[in-house]
Amino acid sequence: MDVPFCGGCACGAIRYECTAEPIMALNCHCRDCQRASGSAYASGLFVPADAVKITRGEPRYHRTTAESGNVNGRGFCVDCGSPVLAKQSAFPIYVIYASSLDDPSGHKPTMEIYTASAQPWDYMDPALPKFAKGIGS
């Protein structure tokens, strides 16, 4: 992925820039991600929090508690509802939703997580490693 990269919500009210390569990129099939994305999974890039600068607007965060007990914050645009960023209390990272990238073709997921929650109609890339729960499970 070319750095820096930019993105934002569908209506343009929120914009961000990231100045670091993703630490990892994956597809998450947990029920929270399914609900947040409105689809079978959420596809995201994990990046250092200090590498992300919000250049316009401010996402609103909906918070949920993960199985681990950590708090997830899913940032979305209050005007158009687009998911943009997520953060977790345990790590100094942002998860950038691949759908919010100006050029999502640069997103290359390397694994599928929470596949125990995957929907039977979802086709997963057979070449990617699968983890029933989180990474390492």
C-alpha atoms as a PDB file:
ATOM      1  CA  MET A   1       0.000   0.000   0.000  1.00  0.00           C
ATOM      2  CA  ASP A   2       1.317   3.415  -0.913  1.00  0.00           C
ATOM      3  CA  VAL A   3       1.906   5.710   2.066  1.00  0.00           C
ATOM      4  CA  PRO A   4       0.480   8.161   2.863  1.00  0.00           C
ATOM      5  CA  PHE A   5      -3.049   7.052   2.096  1.00  0.00           C
ATOM      6  CA  CYS A   6      -6.334   8.824   2.667  1.00  0.00           C
ATOM      7  CA  GLY A   7      -9.994   8.122   3.057  1.00  0.00           C
ATOM      8  CA  GLY A   8     -13.219   9.189   4.627  1.00  0.00           C
ATOM      9  CA  CYS A   9     -16.943   8.684   4.795  1.00  0.00           C
ATOM     10  CA  ALA A  10     -19.389   8.549   1.878  1.00  0.00           C
ATOM     11  CA  CYS A  11     -20.570  12.154   2.226  1.00  0.00           C
ATOM     12  CA  GLY A  12     -17.134  13.695   2.784  1.00  0.00           C
ATOM     13  CA  ALA A  13     -17.862  15.083   6.253  1.00  0.00           C
ATOM     14  CA  ILE A  14     -14.999  12.986   7.703  1.00  0.00           C
ATOM     15  CA  ARG A  15     -11.565  12.735   6.113  1.00  0.00           C
ATOM     16  CA  TYR A  16      -8.341  11.187   7.405  1.00  0.00           C
ATOM     17  CA  GLU A  17      -4.759  10.607   6.336  1.00  0.00           C
ATOM     18  CA  CYS A  18      -2.481   7.769   7.449  1.00  0.00           C
ATOM     19  CA  THR A  19       1.315   8.090   7.246  1.00  0.00           C
ATOM     20  CA  ALA A  20       2.310   4.513   8.146  1.00  0.00           C
ATOM     21  CA  GLU A  21       2.159   1.100   6.526  1.00  0.00           C
ATOM     22  CA  PRO A  22      -0.524  -1.133   8.017  1.00  0.00           C
ATOM     23  CA  ILE A  23       0.697  -3.432  10.813  1.00  0.00           C
ATOM     24  CA  MET A  24      -1.750  -6.039   9.535  1.00  0.00           C
ATOM     25  CA  ALA A  25      -4.813  -6.295   7.347  1.00  0.00           C
ATOM     26  CA  LEU A  26      -7.638  -8.777   7.843  1.00  0.00           C
ATOM     27  CA  ASN A  27     -11.285  -9.703   7.523  1.00  0.00           C
ATOM     28  CA  CYS A  28     -13.182 -10.065  10.791  1.00  0.00           C
ATOM     29  CA  HIS A  29     -16.314 -12.229  10.837  1.00  0.00           C
ATOM     30  CA  CYS A  30     -17.413 -11.549  14.446  1.00  0.00           C
ATOM     31  CA  ARG A  31     -21.056 -10.627  14.917  1.00  0.00           C
ATOM     32  CA  ASP A  32     -20.151  -7.068  15.970  1.00  0.00           C
ATOM     33  CA  CYS A  33     -18.271  -6.544  12.683  1.00  0.00           C
ATOM     34  CA  GLN A  34     -21.112  -8.096  10.706  1.00  0.00           C
ATOM     35  CA  ARG A  35     -23.579  -5.700  12.287  1.00  0.00           C
ATOM     36  CA  ALA A  36     -21.291  -2.679  11.913  1.00  0.00           C
ATOM     37  CA  SER A  37     -20.554  -3.398   8.257  1.00  0.00           C
ATOM     38  CA  GLY A  38     -24.031  -4.561   7.298  1.00  0.00           C
ATOM     39  CA  SER A  39     -22.441  -7.541   5.610  1.00  0.00           C
ATOM     40  CA  ALA A  40     -20.637 -10.827   6.250  1.00  0.00           C
ATOM     41  CA  TYR A  41     -17.493  -9.249   7.726  1.00  0.00           C
ATOM     42  CA  ALA A  42     -15.550  -6.047   8.223  1.00  0.00           C
ATOM     43  CA  SER A  43     -12.313  -5.646   6.350  1.00  0.00           C
ATOM     44  CA  GLY A  44      -9.732  -3.519   8.125  1.00  0.00           C
ATOM     45  CA  LEU A  45      -6.169  -2.243   8.225  1.00  0.00           C
ATOM     46  CA  PHE A  46      -4.494  -1.975  11.627  1.00  0.00           C
ATOM     47  CA  VAL A  47      -2.281   1.113  11.851  1.00  0.00           C
ATOM     48  CA  PRO A  48      -0.448   2.938  14.671  1.00  0.00           C
ATOM     49  CA  ALA A  49      -2.767   5.512  16.257  1.00  0.00           C
ATOM     50  CA  ASP A  50      -0.192   8.273  16.001  1.00  0.00           C
ATOM     51  CA  ALA A  51       0.002   7.776  12.216  1.00  0.00           C
ATOM     52  CA  VAL A  52      -3.649   8.745  11.674  1.00  0.00           C
ATOM     53  CA  LYS A  53      -4.689  12.363  11.393  1.00  0.00           C
ATOM     54  CA  ILE A  54      -8.356  13.248  11.049  1.00  0.00           C
ATOM     55  CA  THR A  55      -8.327  16.200   8.669  1.00  0.00           C
ATOM     56  CA  ARG A  56     -12.059  16.958   8.529  1.00  0.00           C
ATOM     57  CA  GLY A  57     -14.920  16.246  10.870  1.00  0.00           C
ATOM     58  CA  GLU A  58     -14.972  13.845  13.771  1.00  0.00           C
ATOM     59  CA  PRO A  59     -16.389  10.334  13.913  1.00  0.00           C
ATOM     60  CA  ARG A  60     -18.893   9.381  16.578  1.00  0.00           C
ATOM     61  CA  TYR A  61     -17.912   6.193  18.401  1.00  0.00           C
ATOM     62  CA  HIS A  62     -20.280   3.406  19.332  1.00  0.00           C
ATOM     63  CA  ARG A  63     -18.662   1.361  22.112  1.00  0.00           C
ATOM     64  CA  THR A  64     -19.013  -2.363  22.746  1.00  0.00           C
ATOM     65  CA  THR A  65     -17.205  -4.766  25.058  1.00  0.00           C
ATOM     66  CA  ALA A  66     -15.302  -7.568  23.321  1.00  0.00           C
ATOM     67  CA  GLU A  67     -15.075 -11.155  24.607  1.00  0.00           C
ATOM     68  CA  SER A  68     -11.650 -10.185  26.000  1.00  0.00           C
ATOM     69  CA  GLY A  69     -13.199  -7.455  28.150  1.00  0.00           C
ATOM     70  CA  ASN A  70     -11.562  -4.702  26.081  1.00  0.00           C
ATOM     71  CA  VAL A  71     -13.695  -1.844  24.815  1.00  0.00           C
ATOM     72  CA  ASN A  72     -14.099  -1.453  21.056  1.00  0.00           C
ATOM     73  CA  GLY A  73     -15.036   1.921  19.618  1.00  0.00           C
ATOM     74  CA  ARG A  74     -16.469   1.898  16.099  1.00  0.00           C
ATOM     75  CA  GLY A  75     -16.226   5.342  14.513  1.00  0.00           C
ATOM     76  CA  PHE A  76     -18.825   6.344  11.954  1.00  0.00           C
ATOM     77  CA  CYS A  77     -20.109   9.500  10.300  1.00  0.00           C
ATOM     78  CA  VAL A  78     -23.197  10.931  11.993  1.00  0.00           C
ATOM     79  CA  ASP A  79     -24.357  12.422   8.689  1.00  0.00           C
ATOM     80  CA  CYS A  80     -24.157   9.438   6.300  1.00  0.00           C
ATOM     81  CA  GLY A  81     -23.593   6.507   8.708  1.00  0.00           C
ATOM     82  CA  SER A  82     -20.449   5.238   6.977  1.00  0.00           C
ATOM     83  CA  PRO A  83     -18.030   3.246   9.152  1.00  0.00           C
ATOM     84  CA  VAL A  84     -14.619   4.933   9.036  1.00  0.00           C
ATOM     85  CA  LEU A  85     -12.332   3.970  11.946  1.00  0.00           C
ATOM     86  CA  ALA A  86     -12.321   1.689  14.944  1.00  0.00           C
ATOM     87  CA  LYS A  87     -10.171   1.628  18.059  1.00  0.00           C
ATOM     88  CA  GLN A  88      -9.680  -0.729  20.963  1.00  0.00           C
ATOM     89  CA  SER A  89      -8.824   0.140  24.545  1.00  0.00           C
ATOM     90  CA  ALA A  90      -6.018  -2.431  24.787  1.00  0.00           C
ATOM     91  CA  PHE A  91      -3.849  -1.178  21.905  1.00  0.00           C
ATOM     92  CA  PRO A  92      -2.644   2.213  20.576  1.00  0.00           C
ATOM     93  CA  ILE A  93      -3.997   1.495  17.095  1.00  0.00           C
ATOM     94  CA  TYR A  94      -6.747   2.461  14.738  1.00  0.00           C
ATOM     95  CA  VAL A  95      -8.473   0.009  12.477  1.00  0.00           C
ATOM     96  CA  ILE A  96      -9.242   1.728   9.213  1.00  0.00           C
ATOM     97  CA  TYR A  97     -12.241   0.210   7.457  1.00  0.00           C
ATOM     98  CA  ALA A  98     -11.082  -0.766   3.961  1.00  0.00           C
ATOM     99  CA  SER A  99     -14.386   0.505   2.572  1.00  0.00           C
ATOM    100  CA  SER A 100     -13.469   4.035   3.719  1.00  0.00           C
ATOM    101  CA  LEU A 101     -10.214   4.175   1.722  1.00  0.00           C
ATOM    102  CA  ASP A 102     -10.086   6.499  -1.276  1.00  0.00           C
ATOM    103  CA  ASP A 103      -8.424   3.595  -3.115  1.00  0.00           C
ATOM    104  CA  PRO A 104      -9.513   0.332  -1.468  1.00  0.00           C
ATOM    105  CA  SER A 105      -7.657  -1.725  -4.095  1.00  0.00           C
ATOM    106  CA  GLY A 106      -4.500  -1.338  -1.958  1.00  0.00           C
ATOM    107  CA  HIS A 107      -6.032  -3.366   0.878  1.00  0.00           C
ATOM    108  CA  LYS A 108      -4.588  -6.886   0.925  1.00  0.00           C
ATOM    109  CA  PRO A 109      -6.055  -8.955   3.794  1.00  0.00           C
ATOM    110  CA  THR A 110      -3.672 -11.596   5.150  1.00  0.00           C
ATOM    111  CA  MET A 111      -6.064 -13.560   7.385  1.00  0.00           C
ATOM    112  CA  GLU A 112      -9.664 -14.203   8.378  1.00  0.00           C
ATOM    113  CA  ILE A 113     -10.568 -14.009  12.084  1.00  0.00           C
ATOM    114  CA  TYR A 114     -13.649 -15.029  14.084  1.00  0.00           C
ATOM    115  CA  THR A 115     -14.526 -17.513  11.368  1.00  0.00           C
ATOM    116  CA  ALA A 116     -16.598 -19.479  13.909  1.00  0.00           C
ATOM    117  CA  SER A 117     -19.149 -16.665  13.432  1.00  0.00           C
ATOM    118  CA  ALA A 118     -18.878 -16.567   9.634  1.00  0.00           C
ATOM    119  CA  GLN A 119     -22.124 -16.826   7.735  1.00  0.00           C
ATOM    120  CA  PRO A 120     -22.669 -19.990   5.679  1.00  0.00           C
ATOM    121  CA  TRP A 121     -23.292 -17.902   2.544  1.00  0.00           C
ATOM    122  CA  ASP A 122     -19.983 -16.032   2.876  1.00  0.00           C
ATOM    123  CA  TYR A 123     -17.206 -17.144   0.520  1.00  0.00           C
ATOM    124  CA  MET A 124     -13.803 -16.850   2.203  1.00  0.00           C
ATOM    125  CA  ASP A 125     -10.524 -16.804   0.297  1.00  0.00           C
ATOM    126  CA  PRO A 126      -9.198 -20.375   0.692  1.00  0.00           C
ATOM    127  CA  ALA A 127      -5.599 -19.098   0.529  1.00  0.00           C
ATOM    128  CA  LEU A 128      -5.916 -16.989   3.700  1.00  0.00           C
ATOM    129  CA  PRO A 129      -5.248 -18.438   7.164  1.00  0.00           C
ATOM    130  CA  LYS A 130      -8.428 -18.836   9.246  1.00  0.00           C
ATOM    131  CA  PHE A 131      -8.801 -18.340  12.985  1.00  0.00           C
ATOM    132  CA  ALA A 132     -11.989 -19.506  14.704  1.00  0.00           C
ATOM    133  CA  LYS A 133     -11.733 -16.699  17.263  1.00  0.00           C
ATOM    134  CA  GLY A 134      -9.070 -14.013  17.419  1.00  0.00           C
ATOM    135  CA  ILE A 135      -5.564 -14.249  16.103  1.00  0.00           C
ATOM    136  CA  GLY A 136      -3.822 -17.391  17.289  1.00  0.00           C
ATOM    137  CA  SER A 137      -6.992 -19.359  18.106  1.00  0.00           C
END
